[in-house]
Structures are given as structure tokens and as C-alpha cells.
Amino acid sequence: MLLEWAKTGSTPMDFSDLTGKVAVITGAASGIGLALARRLRAEGMELVLADLDGEAVTGLADELGALGMAADIRQPESVQALADAAAARFGGVDLLCSNAGVSRMAGIERLTLQDWRWLFEVNLFAAVSVTKTFLPLLKARPDGAHILFTASLSSFYPTRAQAAYGATKYALAAFGETLALELEAEQATVGVTLLCPGPVRTNIAKGYGKREAEYRAPGVDPAAVCDIHEAAFRGGVDDSDWSTPEAVADAAVAGMRRGELWVITHPQLMGSAFARNAAMAEASERGG
């Protein structure tokens, strides 16, 4: 059995001076993506910004002097157009921020198959498509490159009302960690970081109401009621637990500079992850 673990604490890309380097950010028009765009522009990076909301991303691009594109990253041709535009405008890409994501909070019985499909299409399959499309550009950079995935604390432990969302983030973490292993084995000069925030004040929840018809179940709107699991989750989040997109973006840049595989923005909320790992260790000691 091949047992490996991706290294953390180093990256092939030099983050000491980002002036003139090129970053692509998906889901750039709001929330963490917007904060990343402003933070990286302040570092002197050239930006390629993508979002499903074309008007918002174009306005942000005008503000930051960046290239902005309306893009549906669920569609391979849209992702390829984004990569082609980045290459044509800047000659290559140094940093890929795979940030676009959606959320759906509900107990498992209330989640529809359409909910599951929507979350996996955006949170996982689109991230895979973006990564595969941009990898050749990243690998071609002679001075190294880097990929940042916006994952979640839900990548590490289950939470009631977050089954579908958590499943996508578990899977995204597995994808990112495996990618890091494979790039390391290939001696490719591309690093990987998984940004894992807890509660952040963004408008991610508004996306559910804007989802396309193919992701809507017939009948009563499942968002019209709040089940006991959603109520418990919402009631368990303290005001002090909430972070801002700007703080998360700062943590992301600092973590990438250190070459971290994971950036944990809410260490105070990691107790369930540690308890889960301890329980698995105990089960392993007991054997079959």
C-alpha cells in the first residue's frame, strides 16, 4: 500500500515579492474572492477575475485595473476561455485561486437530489475543471506557481445540516491534498494550499435562491422551513465566531507565503476535528 503525506511549510513559488505576478480568481465578485482580489492587487499582482455575475466582476475589474470576465466555471468551454484570455493578456499565470462556491444548509431528509447536484457541480466538479485547465499554464512558470483552494472547516468534520456542503468540501480537500502529492512526486514547481475558514460574513447563502431551474425540485420550496438540524447549527454559532472576508484573505496570503498546505482561520472551532481524529486513532488501536 502506497502511504504518503503531502508536505507543508514550503512552496516552489516565491511570495516575498508578488509585484507583476499574475493571479486568476474565480468567484471574485463578492465575499472571500473579492477580498482576495483587493489583497492581491495591493501586493502588486496583475489580476484575472471571473464570476457568474458579469456586471459585478466587470465593475470590480474596472476598480482594480484588472481583466474581468463573466464565466460559468461549470462549463469547460467557459473555463478554457478564461485560461486563453489570461494567457493572451499576461502570457501566463502564477497563482490560481479556485474560490467559487455555494452553500445549502438543511437536514439530510430535507435536502433534495437537485441540492446535492448543484453543490457538487459548483464546489467540486468546477474546481476540478479549473485546475485541470490551468495546470499547464502553472507548470510552465519558470519561477514556480501556486494553487489556492477555498475549502472549509467542513473539510475536516461533520456538522448537522451541512451534509451536502460538507461532502463537497471533504472531497475538495481530498482532491487538493492528492494534487499536492502528485505535483510533489512529479517534482513540478507548483504548490497547493487549502484555505479552510469557519463562519465568514459573505452573501454565499443568497446563491441558493438564484440557482438555475435544473437544480430546483418541484413542489414546496425546501428553503421555506427551518428543520431542527439547521436551527441547531445556526444557534451554535456565536457572534465572536464570525470572521470577515478581509481577515480570511489576509490569512490566505500569509499561509501561502509560509507554504502551508492548510490555512485554518478559526482554530477555536477545530475541537470536533481533533476529537474525530482521536476517535479514529483509538479505533485503530483496538483493531478489527
C-alpha atoms as a PDB file:
ATOM      1  CA  MET A   1       0.000   0.000   0.000  1.00  0.00           C
ATOM      2  CA  LEU A   2       1.360   3.388  -1.020  1.00  0.00           C
ATOM      3  CA  LEU A   3       1.267   5.554   2.100  1.00  0.00           C
ATOM      4  CA  GLU A   4       2.319   9.159   1.556  1.00  0.00           C
ATOM      5  CA  TRP A   5       1.588  12.529   3.054  1.00  0.00           C
ATOM      6  CA  ALA A   6       1.873  15.874   1.316  1.00  0.00           C
ATOM      7  CA  LYS A   7       4.457  18.196   2.802  1.00  0.00           C
ATOM      8  CA  THR A   8       3.568  21.537   4.315  1.00  0.00           C
ATOM      9  CA  GLY A   9       5.689  24.552   5.108  1.00  0.00           C
ATOM     10  CA  SER A  10       7.222  25.232   1.695  1.00  0.00           C
ATOM     11  CA  THR A  11       6.196  26.241  -1.818  1.00  0.00           C
ATOM     12  CA  PRO A  12       8.126  26.497  -5.088  1.00  0.00           C
ATOM     13  CA  MET A  13       6.700  29.976  -5.704  1.00  0.00           C
ATOM     14  CA  ASP A  14       8.459  32.965  -4.185  1.00  0.00           C
ATOM     15  CA  PHE A  15       5.826  35.029  -2.361  1.00  0.00           C
ATOM     16  CA  SER A  16       8.283  37.593  -0.988  1.00  0.00           C
ATOM     17  CA  ASP A  17       7.517  39.999  -3.842  1.00  0.00           C
ATOM     18  CA  LEU A  18       4.320  39.484  -5.847  1.00  0.00           C
ATOM     19  CA  THR A  19       4.690  42.599  -7.985  1.00  0.00           C
ATOM     20  CA  GLY A  20       3.837  41.827 -11.595  1.00  0.00           C
ATOM     21  CA  LYS A  21       2.870  38.218 -10.966  1.00  0.00           C
ATOM     22  CA  VAL A  22      -0.491  37.060 -12.322  1.00  0.00           C
ATOM     23  CA  ALA A  23      -3.395  35.700 -10.262  1.00  0.00           C
ATOM     24  CA  VAL A  24      -6.646  34.195 -11.524  1.00  0.00           C
ATOM     25  CA  ILE A  25      -9.544  34.265  -9.052  1.00  0.00           C
ATOM     26  CA  THR A  26     -12.884  32.510  -9.559  1.00  0.00           C
ATOM     27  CA  GLY A  27     -15.924  33.682  -7.616  1.00  0.00           C
ATOM     28  CA  ALA A  28     -14.171  37.040  -7.480  1.00  0.00           C
ATOM     29  CA  ALA A  29     -17.126  39.427  -7.361  1.00  0.00           C
ATOM     30  CA  SER A  30     -18.050  39.016  -3.694  1.00  0.00           C
ATOM     31  CA  GLY A  31     -17.049  37.583  -0.332  1.00  0.00           C
ATOM     32  CA  ILE A  32     -13.664  35.906   0.029  1.00  0.00           C
ATOM     33  CA  GLY A  33     -12.961  36.184  -3.700  1.00  0.00           C
ATOM     34  CA  LEU A  34     -13.477  39.939  -3.629  1.00  0.00           C
ATOM     35  CA  ALA A  35     -11.260  40.290  -0.558  1.00  0.00           C
ATOM     36  CA  LEU A  36      -8.555  38.159  -2.208  1.00  0.00           C
ATOM     37  CA  ALA A  37      -8.705  40.324  -5.318  1.00  0.00           C
ATOM     38  CA  ARG A  38      -8.184  43.539  -3.376  1.00  0.00           C
ATOM     39  CA  ARG A  39      -5.499  41.993  -1.166  1.00  0.00           C
ATOM     40  CA  LEU A  40      -3.501  40.568  -4.059  1.00  0.00           C
ATOM     41  CA  ARG A  41      -3.832  43.767  -6.084  1.00  0.00           C
ATOM     42  CA  ALA A  42      -2.424  45.659  -3.099  1.00  0.00           C
ATOM     43  CA  GLU A  43       0.543  43.276  -3.292  1.00  0.00           C
ATOM     44  CA  GLY A  44       1.111  44.401  -6.879  1.00  0.00           C
ATOM     45  CA  MET A  45      -0.309  41.378  -8.673  1.00  0.00           C
ATOM     46  CA  GLU A  46      -1.993  41.516 -12.055  1.00  0.00           C
ATOM     47  CA  LEU A  47      -5.465  40.001 -11.837  1.00  0.00           C
ATOM     48  CA  VAL A  48      -7.808  37.933 -13.959  1.00  0.00           C
ATOM     49  CA  LEU A  49     -11.194  37.952 -12.227  1.00  0.00           C
ATOM     50  CA  ALA A  50     -14.039  35.562 -13.049  1.00  0.00           C
ATOM     51  CA  ASP A  51     -17.571  35.352 -11.729  1.00  0.00           C
ATOM     52  CA  LEU A  52     -21.010  34.240 -12.851  1.00  0.00           C
ATOM     53  CA  ASP A  53     -22.177  37.805 -12.144  1.00  0.00           C
ATOM     54  CA  GLY A  54     -20.722  39.555 -15.175  1.00  0.00           C
ATOM     55  CA  GLU A  55     -21.795  43.053 -14.203  1.00  0.00           C
ATOM     56  CA  ALA A  56     -20.280  42.808 -10.717  1.00  0.00           C
ATOM     57  CA  VAL A  57     -16.984  41.300 -11.862  1.00  0.00           C
ATOM     58  CA  THR A  58     -16.614  43.868 -14.649  1.00  0.00           C
ATOM     59  CA  GLY A  59     -17.146  46.675 -12.154  1.00  0.00           C
ATOM     60  CA  LEU A  60     -14.547  45.190  -9.814  1.00  0.00           C
ATOM     61  CA  ALA A  61     -12.090  44.770 -12.674  1.00  0.00           C
ATOM     62  CA  ASP A  62     -12.513  48.434 -13.593  1.00  0.00           C
ATOM     63  CA  GLU A  63     -11.895  49.399  -9.967  1.00  0.00           C
ATOM     64  CA  LEU A  64      -8.698  47.341  -9.700  1.00  0.00           C
ATOM     65  CA  GLY A  65      -7.338  47.754 -13.203  1.00  0.00           C
ATOM     66  CA  ALA A  66      -7.788  44.045 -13.845  1.00  0.00           C
ATOM     67  CA  LEU A  67      -9.169  41.751 -16.522  1.00  0.00           C
ATOM     68  CA  GLY A  68     -12.725  40.758 -15.596  1.00  0.00           C
ATOM     69  CA  MET A  69     -14.783  38.049 -17.267  1.00  0.00           C
ATOM     70  CA  ALA A  70     -18.239  36.628 -16.818  1.00  0.00           C
ATOM     71  CA  ALA A  71     -17.644  32.883 -16.538  1.00  0.00           C
ATOM     72  CA  ASP A  72     -19.662  29.818 -15.623  1.00  0.00           C
ATOM     73  CA  ILE A  73     -16.896  27.557 -14.371  1.00  0.00           C
ATOM     74  CA  ARG A  74     -19.219  24.555 -14.525  1.00  0.00           C
ATOM     75  CA  GLN A  75     -18.836  24.769 -18.310  1.00  0.00           C
ATOM     76  CA  PRO A  76     -15.470  23.548 -19.679  1.00  0.00           C
ATOM     77  CA  GLU A  77     -15.613  25.943 -22.632  1.00  0.00           C
ATOM     78  CA  SER A  78     -16.071  28.887 -20.261  1.00  0.00           C
ATOM     79  CA  VAL A  79     -13.068  27.771 -18.193  1.00  0.00           C
ATOM     80  CA  GLN A  80     -10.952  27.365 -21.332  1.00  0.00           C
ATOM     81  CA  ALA A  81     -11.935  30.854 -22.492  1.00  0.00           C
ATOM     82  CA  LEU A  82     -10.791  32.195 -19.122  1.00  0.00           C
ATOM     83  CA  ALA A  83      -7.423  30.443 -19.421  1.00  0.00           C
ATOM     84  CA  ASP A  84      -6.983  31.628 -23.008  1.00  0.00           C
ATOM     85  CA  ALA A  85      -7.750  35.219 -22.004  1.00  0.00           C
ATOM     86  CA  ALA A  86      -5.259  35.091 -19.120  1.00  0.00           C
ATOM     87  CA  ALA A  87      -2.538  33.711 -21.398  1.00  0.00           C
ATOM     88  CA  ALA A  88      -3.268  36.237 -24.136  1.00  0.00           C
ATOM     89  CA  ARG A  89      -3.292  39.210 -21.766  1.00  0.00           C
ATOM     90  CA  PHE A  90      -0.420  38.320 -19.437  1.00  0.00           C
ATOM     91  CA  GLY A  91       1.472  35.431 -21.023  1.00  0.00           C
ATOM     92  CA  GLY A  92       0.856  33.039 -18.155  1.00  0.00           C
ATOM     93  CA  VAL A  93      -0.495  32.518 -14.641  1.00  0.00           C
ATOM     94  CA  ASP A  94       1.414  32.337 -11.351  1.00  0.00           C
ATOM     95  CA  LEU A  95      -1.421  31.886  -8.862  1.00  0.00           C
ATOM     96  CA  LEU A  96      -4.789  30.193  -9.304  1.00  0.00           C
ATOM     97  CA  CYS A  97      -7.393  30.919  -6.625  1.00  0.00           C
ATOM     98  CA  SER A  98     -10.166  28.359  -7.068  1.00  0.00           C
ATOM     99  CA  ASN A  99     -12.634  30.138  -4.849  1.00  0.00           C
ATOM    100  CA  ALA A 100     -16.141  29.915  -6.320  1.00  0.00           C
ATOM    101  CA  GLY A 101     -18.564  28.081  -4.043  1.00  0.00           C
ATOM    102  CA  VAL A 102     -22.185  27.728  -2.965  1.00  0.00           C
ATOM    103  CA  SER A 103     -23.929  26.592   0.196  1.00  0.00           C
ATOM    104  CA  ARG A 104     -27.114  24.789   1.192  1.00  0.00           C
ATOM    105  CA  MET A 105     -27.970  24.264   4.850  1.00  0.00           C
ATOM    106  CA  ALA A 106     -30.604  21.631   5.719  1.00  0.00           C
ATOM    107  CA  GLY A 107     -31.030  18.258   7.383  1.00  0.00           C
ATOM    108  CA  ILE A 108     -30.455  15.249   5.134  1.00  0.00           C
ATOM    109  CA  GLU A 109     -34.158  14.419   4.852  1.00  0.00           C
ATOM    110  CA  ARG A 110     -34.864  17.926   3.573  1.00  0.00           C
ATOM    111  CA  LEU A 111     -32.022  18.028   1.050  1.00  0.00           C
ATOM    112  CA  THR A 112     -33.134  17.243  -2.494  1.00  0.00           C
ATOM    113  CA  LEU A 113     -31.116  15.428  -5.151  1.00  0.00           C
ATOM    114  CA  GLN A 114     -31.060  18.712  -7.029  1.00  0.00           C
ATOM    115  CA  ASP A 115     -29.410  20.336  -3.981  1.00  0.00           C
ATOM    116  CA  TRP A 116     -26.701  17.687  -3.982  1.00  0.00           C
ATOM    117  CA  ARG A 117     -26.079  18.043  -7.704  1.00  0.00           C
ATOM    118  CA  TRP A 118     -25.871  21.833  -7.501  1.00  0.00           C
ATOM    119  CA  LEU A 119     -23.335  21.810  -4.697  1.00  0.00           C
ATOM    120  CA  PHE A 120     -21.145  19.151  -6.292  1.00  0.00           C
ATOM    121  CA  GLU A 121     -21.237  20.854  -9.700  1.00  0.00           C
ATOM    122  CA  VAL A 122     -20.012  24.159  -8.269  1.00  0.00           C
ATOM    123  CA  ASN A 123     -17.919  23.239  -5.236  1.00  0.00           C
ATOM    124  CA  LEU A 124     -16.118  20.182  -6.605  1.00  0.00           C
ATOM    125  CA  PHE A 125     -16.502  19.479 -10.313  1.00  0.00           C
ATOM    126  CA  ALA A 126     -15.919  23.113 -11.293  1.00  0.00           C
ATOM    127  CA  ALA A 127     -12.792  23.245  -9.112  1.00  0.00           C
ATOM    128  CA  VAL A 128     -11.509  20.086 -10.806  1.00  0.00           C
ATOM    129  CA  SER A 129     -12.200  21.561 -14.248  1.00  0.00           C
ATOM    130  CA  VAL A 130     -10.490  24.859 -13.423  1.00  0.00           C
ATOM    131  CA  THR A 131      -7.456  23.063 -12.011  1.00  0.00           C
ATOM    132  CA  LYS A 132      -7.027  20.708 -14.961  1.00  0.00           C
ATOM    133  CA  THR A 133      -7.378  23.569 -17.437  1.00  0.00           C
ATOM    134  CA  PHE A 134      -4.892  25.877 -15.712  1.00  0.00           C
ATOM    135  CA  LEU A 135      -2.272  23.312 -14.671  1.00  0.00           C
ATOM    136  CA  PRO A 136      -0.305  23.527 -17.934  1.00  0.00           C
ATOM    137  CA  LEU A 137      -0.028  27.299 -17.551  1.00  0.00           C
ATOM    138  CA  LEU A 138       1.036  26.981 -13.917  1.00  0.00           C
ATOM    139  CA  LYS A 139       3.602  24.256 -14.606  1.00  0.00           C
ATOM    140  CA  ALA A 140       5.121  26.377 -17.358  1.00  0.00           C
ATOM    141  CA  ARG A 141       6.102  29.189 -14.984  1.00  0.00           C
ATOM    142  CA  PRO A 142       9.895  29.002 -14.581  1.00  0.00           C
ATOM    143  CA  ASP A 143       9.860  30.602 -11.130  1.00  0.00           C
ATOM    144  CA  GLY A 144       7.121  28.392  -9.666  1.00  0.00           C
ATOM    145  CA  ALA A 145       3.388  28.754  -9.235  1.00  0.00           C
ATOM    146  CA  HIS A 146       0.703  28.041  -6.665  1.00  0.00           C
ATOM    147  CA  ILE A 147      -2.931  26.961  -6.337  1.00  0.00           C
ATOM    148  CA  LEU A 148      -5.236  28.132  -3.555  1.00  0.00           C
ATOM    149  CA  PHE A 149      -8.463  26.200  -2.999  1.00  0.00           C
ATOM    150  CA  THR A 150     -11.156  27.736  -0.818  1.00  0.00           C
ATOM    151  CA  ALA A 151     -12.183  24.722   1.239  1.00  0.00           C
ATOM    152  CA  SER A 152     -13.744  24.927   4.719  1.00  0.00           C
ATOM    153  CA  LEU A 153     -13.610  23.707   8.293  1.00  0.00           C
ATOM    154  CA  SER A 154     -16.351  21.412   6.952  1.00  0.00           C
ATOM    155  CA  SER A 155     -13.496  19.632   5.137  1.00  0.00           C
ATOM    156  CA  PHE A 156     -12.432  18.184   8.497  1.00  0.00           C
ATOM    157  CA  TYR A 157     -15.513  17.134  10.458  1.00  0.00           C
ATOM    158  CA  PRO A 158     -19.270  16.648  10.027  1.00  0.00           C
ATOM    159  CA  THR A 159     -21.823  19.164  11.212  1.00  0.00           C
ATOM    160  CA  ARG A 160     -25.565  18.726  11.280  1.00  0.00           C
ATOM    161  CA  ALA A 161     -27.388  20.470   8.416  1.00  0.00           C
ATOM    162  CA  GLN A 162     -24.176  20.507   6.352  1.00  0.00           C
ATOM    163  CA  ALA A 163     -24.198  17.020   4.795  1.00  0.00           C
ATOM    164  CA  ALA A 164     -24.153  18.100   1.138  1.00  0.00           C
ATOM    165  CA  TYR A 165     -21.896  21.115   1.666  1.00  0.00           C
ATOM    166  CA  GLY A 166     -19.541  19.135   3.891  1.00  0.00           C
ATOM    167  CA  ALA A 167     -19.366  16.269   1.408  1.00  0.00           C
ATOM    168  CA  THR A 168     -18.209  18.664  -1.309  1.00  0.00           C
ATOM    169  CA  LYS A 169     -15.607  20.203   0.972  1.00  0.00           C
ATOM    170  CA  TYR A 170     -14.338  16.814   2.215  1.00  0.00           C
ATOM    171  CA  ALA A 171     -13.964  15.862  -1.452  1.00  0.00           C
ATOM    172  CA  LEU A 172     -12.276  19.151  -2.360  1.00  0.00           C
ATOM    173  CA  ALA A 173      -9.753  18.635   0.450  1.00  0.00           C
ATOM    174  CA  ALA A 174      -9.025  15.094  -0.777  1.00  0.00           C
ATOM    175  CA  PHE A 175      -8.585  16.434  -4.301  1.00  0.00           C
ATOM    176  CA  GLY A 176      -6.269  19.234  -3.181  1.00  0.00           C
ATOM    177  CA  GLU A 177      -4.154  17.016  -0.942  1.00  0.00           C
ATOM    178  CA  THR A 178      -3.835  14.361  -3.669  1.00  0.00           C
ATOM    179  CA  LEU A 179      -2.881  17.044  -6.185  1.00  0.00           C
ATOM    180  CA  ALA A 180      -0.168  18.234  -3.792  1.00  0.00           C
ATOM    181  CA  LEU A 181       1.177  14.662  -3.537  1.00  0.00           C
ATOM    182  CA  GLU A 182       1.211  14.168  -7.280  1.00  0.00           C
ATOM    183  CA  LEU A 183       2.842  17.517  -8.027  1.00  0.00           C
ATOM    184  CA  GLU A 184       5.491  16.756  -5.424  1.00  0.00           C
ATOM    185  CA  ALA A 185       6.137  13.300  -6.932  1.00  0.00           C
ATOM    186  CA  GLU A 186       6.455  14.859 -10.395  1.00  0.00           C
ATOM    187  CA  GLN A 187       8.861  17.471  -8.979  1.00  0.00           C
ATOM    188  CA  ALA A 188       6.559  20.070 -10.504  1.00  0.00           C
ATOM    189  CA  THR A 189       7.127  23.625  -9.320  1.00  0.00           C
ATOM    190  CA  VAL A 190       3.502  24.187  -8.267  1.00  0.00           C
ATOM    191  CA  GLY A 191       2.440  24.433  -4.620  1.00  0.00           C
ATOM    192  CA  VAL A 192      -1.005  23.843  -3.125  1.00  0.00           C
ATOM    193  CA  THR A 193      -2.853  25.479  -0.227  1.00  0.00           C
ATOM    194  CA  LEU A 194      -6.282  24.620   1.155  1.00  0.00           C
ATOM    195  CA  LEU A 195      -7.899  27.684   2.716  1.00  0.00           C
ATOM    196  CA  CYS A 196     -10.216  26.383   5.463  1.00  0.00           C
ATOM    197  CA  PRO A 197     -12.364  29.115   7.021  1.00  0.00           C
ATOM    198  CA  GLY A 198     -15.174  28.777   9.513  1.00  0.00           C
ATOM    199  CA  PRO A 199     -18.087  31.246   9.596  1.00  0.00           C
ATOM    200  CA  VAL A 200     -17.425  34.260   7.370  1.00  0.00           C
ATOM    201  CA  ARG A 201     -19.796  37.149   6.730  1.00  0.00           C
ATOM    202  CA  THR A 202     -20.453  36.783   2.997  1.00  0.00           C
ATOM    203  CA  ASN A 203     -23.521  36.528   0.799  1.00  0.00           C
ATOM    204  CA  ILE A 204     -22.895  32.863  -0.102  1.00  0.00           C
ATOM    205  CA  ALA A 205     -26.334  31.841   1.216  1.00  0.00           C
ATOM    206  CA  LYS A 206     -28.065  34.107  -1.335  1.00  0.00           C
ATOM    207  CA  GLY A 207     -26.879  31.892  -4.166  1.00  0.00           C
ATOM    208  CA  TYR A 208     -29.420  29.210  -3.307  1.00  0.00           C
ATOM    209  CA  GLY A 209     -32.301  31.414  -4.336  1.00  0.00           C
ATOM    210  CA  LYS A 210     -30.597  32.217  -7.638  1.00  0.00           C
ATOM    211  CA  ARG A 211     -29.847  28.630  -8.692  1.00  0.00           C
ATOM    212  CA  GLU A 212     -30.975  27.529 -12.135  1.00  0.00           C
ATOM    213  CA  ALA A 213     -34.238  25.669 -12.754  1.00  0.00           C
ATOM    214  CA  GLU A 214     -32.449  22.347 -13.260  1.00  0.00           C
ATOM    215  CA  TYR A 215     -31.365  22.452  -9.607  1.00  0.00           C
ATOM    216  CA  ARG A 216     -34.856  23.157  -8.242  1.00  0.00           C
ATOM    217  CA  ALA A 217     -37.150  20.386  -7.012  1.00  0.00           C
ATOM    218  CA  PRO A 218     -40.860  20.633  -7.900  1.00  0.00           C
ATOM    219  CA  GLY A 219     -43.326  21.438  -5.146  1.00  0.00           C
ATOM    220  CA  VAL A 220     -42.781  23.372  -1.922  1.00  0.00           C
ATOM    221  CA  ASP A 221     -39.591  25.404  -1.700  1.00  0.00           C
ATOM    222  CA  PRO A 222     -37.366  23.390   0.686  1.00  0.00           C
ATOM    223  CA  ALA A 223     -35.841  26.637   1.939  1.00  0.00           C
ATOM    224  CA  ALA A 224     -39.199  27.836   3.251  1.00  0.00           C
ATOM    225  CA  VAL A 225     -38.827  25.977   6.551  1.00  0.00           C
ATOM    226  CA  CYS A 226     -36.014  25.510   9.044  1.00  0.00           C
ATOM    227  CA  ASP A 227     -35.530  21.989  10.431  1.00  0.00           C
ATOM    228  CA  ILE A 228     -34.140  21.146  13.869  1.00  0.00           C
ATOM    229  CA  HIS A 229     -30.657  20.479  12.491  1.00  0.00           C
ATOM    230  CA  GLU A 230     -30.390  23.808  10.711  1.00  0.00           C
ATOM    231  CA  ALA A 231     -31.748  25.575  13.793  1.00  0.00           C
ATOM    232  CA  ALA A 232     -29.171  23.800  15.974  1.00  0.00           C
ATOM    233  CA  PHE A 233     -26.337  24.765  13.636  1.00  0.00           C
ATOM    234  CA  ARG A 234     -27.362  28.399  13.451  1.00  0.00           C
ATOM    235  CA  GLY A 235     -27.881  28.553  17.209  1.00  0.00           C
ATOM    236  CA  GLY A 236     -24.436  27.094  17.835  1.00  0.00           C
ATOM    237  CA  VAL A 237     -22.525  29.854  16.063  1.00  0.00           C
ATOM    238  CA  ASP A 238     -21.547  32.688  18.414  1.00  0.00           C
ATOM    239  CA  ASP A 239     -21.149  36.260  17.242  1.00  0.00           C
ATOM    240  CA  SER A 240     -17.467  36.007  18.174  1.00  0.00           C
ATOM    241  CA  ASP A 241     -17.033  33.093  15.749  1.00  0.00           C
ATOM    242  CA  TRP A 242     -17.744  35.198  12.674  1.00  0.00           C
ATOM    243  CA  SER A 243     -14.835  36.468  10.619  1.00  0.00           C
ATOM    244  CA  THR A 244     -14.614  38.933   7.744  1.00  0.00           C
ATOM    245  CA  PRO A 245     -13.591  38.143   4.168  1.00  0.00           C
ATOM    246  CA  GLU A 246     -10.699  40.576   4.563  1.00  0.00           C
ATOM    247  CA  ALA A 247      -9.313  38.690   7.578  1.00  0.00           C
ATOM    248  CA  VAL A 248      -9.611  35.406   5.680  1.00  0.00           C
ATOM    249  CA  ALA A 249      -7.813  36.863   2.653  1.00  0.00           C
ATOM    250  CA  ASP A 250      -5.005  38.131   4.895  1.00  0.00           C
ATOM    251  CA  ALA A 251      -4.679  34.653   6.426  1.00  0.00           C
ATOM    252  CA  ALA A 252      -4.640  33.064   2.971  1.00  0.00           C
ATOM    253  CA  VAL A 253      -1.782  35.239   1.735  1.00  0.00           C
ATOM    254  CA  ALA A 254       0.200  34.724   4.940  1.00  0.00           C
ATOM    255  CA  GLY A 255      -0.332  30.963   4.750  1.00  0.00           C
ATOM    256  CA  MET A 256       0.737  30.765   1.117  1.00  0.00           C
ATOM    257  CA  ARG A 257       3.860  32.742   1.965  1.00  0.00           C
ATOM    258  CA  ARG A 258       4.697  30.075   4.556  1.00  0.00           C
ATOM    259  CA  GLY A 259       3.919  27.338   2.065  1.00  0.00           C
ATOM    260  CA  GLU A 260       1.161  25.878   4.240  1.00  0.00           C
ATOM    261  CA  LEU A 261      -0.931  23.034   2.869  1.00  0.00           C
ATOM    262  CA  TRP A 262      -3.789  24.116   5.150  1.00  0.00           C
ATOM    263  CA  VAL A 263      -4.724  27.584   6.369  1.00  0.00           C
ATOM    264  CA  ILE A 264      -7.017  27.319   9.410  1.00  0.00           C
ATOM    265  CA  THR A 265      -8.677  30.669  10.069  1.00  0.00           C
ATOM    266  CA  HIS A 266     -10.795  29.569  13.055  1.00  0.00           C
ATOM    267  CA  PRO A 267      -8.586  27.395  15.292  1.00  0.00           C
ATOM    268  CA  GLN A 268     -11.071  27.772  18.145  1.00  0.00           C
ATOM    269  CA  LEU A 269     -13.567  25.714  16.126  1.00  0.00           C
ATOM    270  CA  MET A 270     -11.294  22.735  15.452  1.00  0.00           C
ATOM    271  CA  GLY A 271     -12.252  20.741  18.562  1.00  0.00           C
ATOM    272  CA  SER A 272     -14.537  18.391  16.638  1.00  0.00           C
ATOM    273  CA  ALA A 273     -11.765  17.635  14.149  1.00  0.00           C
ATOM    274  CA  PHE A 274      -9.337  16.748  16.921  1.00  0.00           C
ATOM    275  CA  ALA A 275     -11.954  14.598  18.673  1.00  0.00           C
ATOM    276  CA  ARG A 276     -12.725  12.811  15.384  1.00  0.00           C
ATOM    277  CA  ASN A 277      -9.042  12.075  14.768  1.00  0.00           C
ATOM    278  CA  ALA A 278      -8.604  10.832  18.347  1.00  0.00           C
ATOM    279  CA  ALA A 279     -11.589   8.507  17.983  1.00  0.00           C
ATOM    280  CA  MET A 280     -10.151   7.077  14.758  1.00  0.00           C
ATOM    281  CA  ALA A 281      -6.787   6.546  16.467  1.00  0.00           C
ATOM    282  CA  GLU A 282      -8.480   4.702  19.313  1.00  0.00           C
ATOM    283  CA  ALA A 283     -10.439   2.533  16.874  1.00  0.00           C
ATOM    284  CA  SER A 284      -7.233   1.734  15.030  1.00  0.00           C
ATOM    285  CA  GLU A 285      -5.539   0.661  18.256  1.00  0.00           C
ATOM    286  CA  ARG A 286      -8.412  -1.713  19.034  1.00  0.00           C
ATOM    287  CA  GLY A 287      -8.029  -3.311  15.615  1.00  0.00           C
ATOM    288  CA  GLY A 288     -10.528  -5.400  13.698  1.00  0.00           C
END
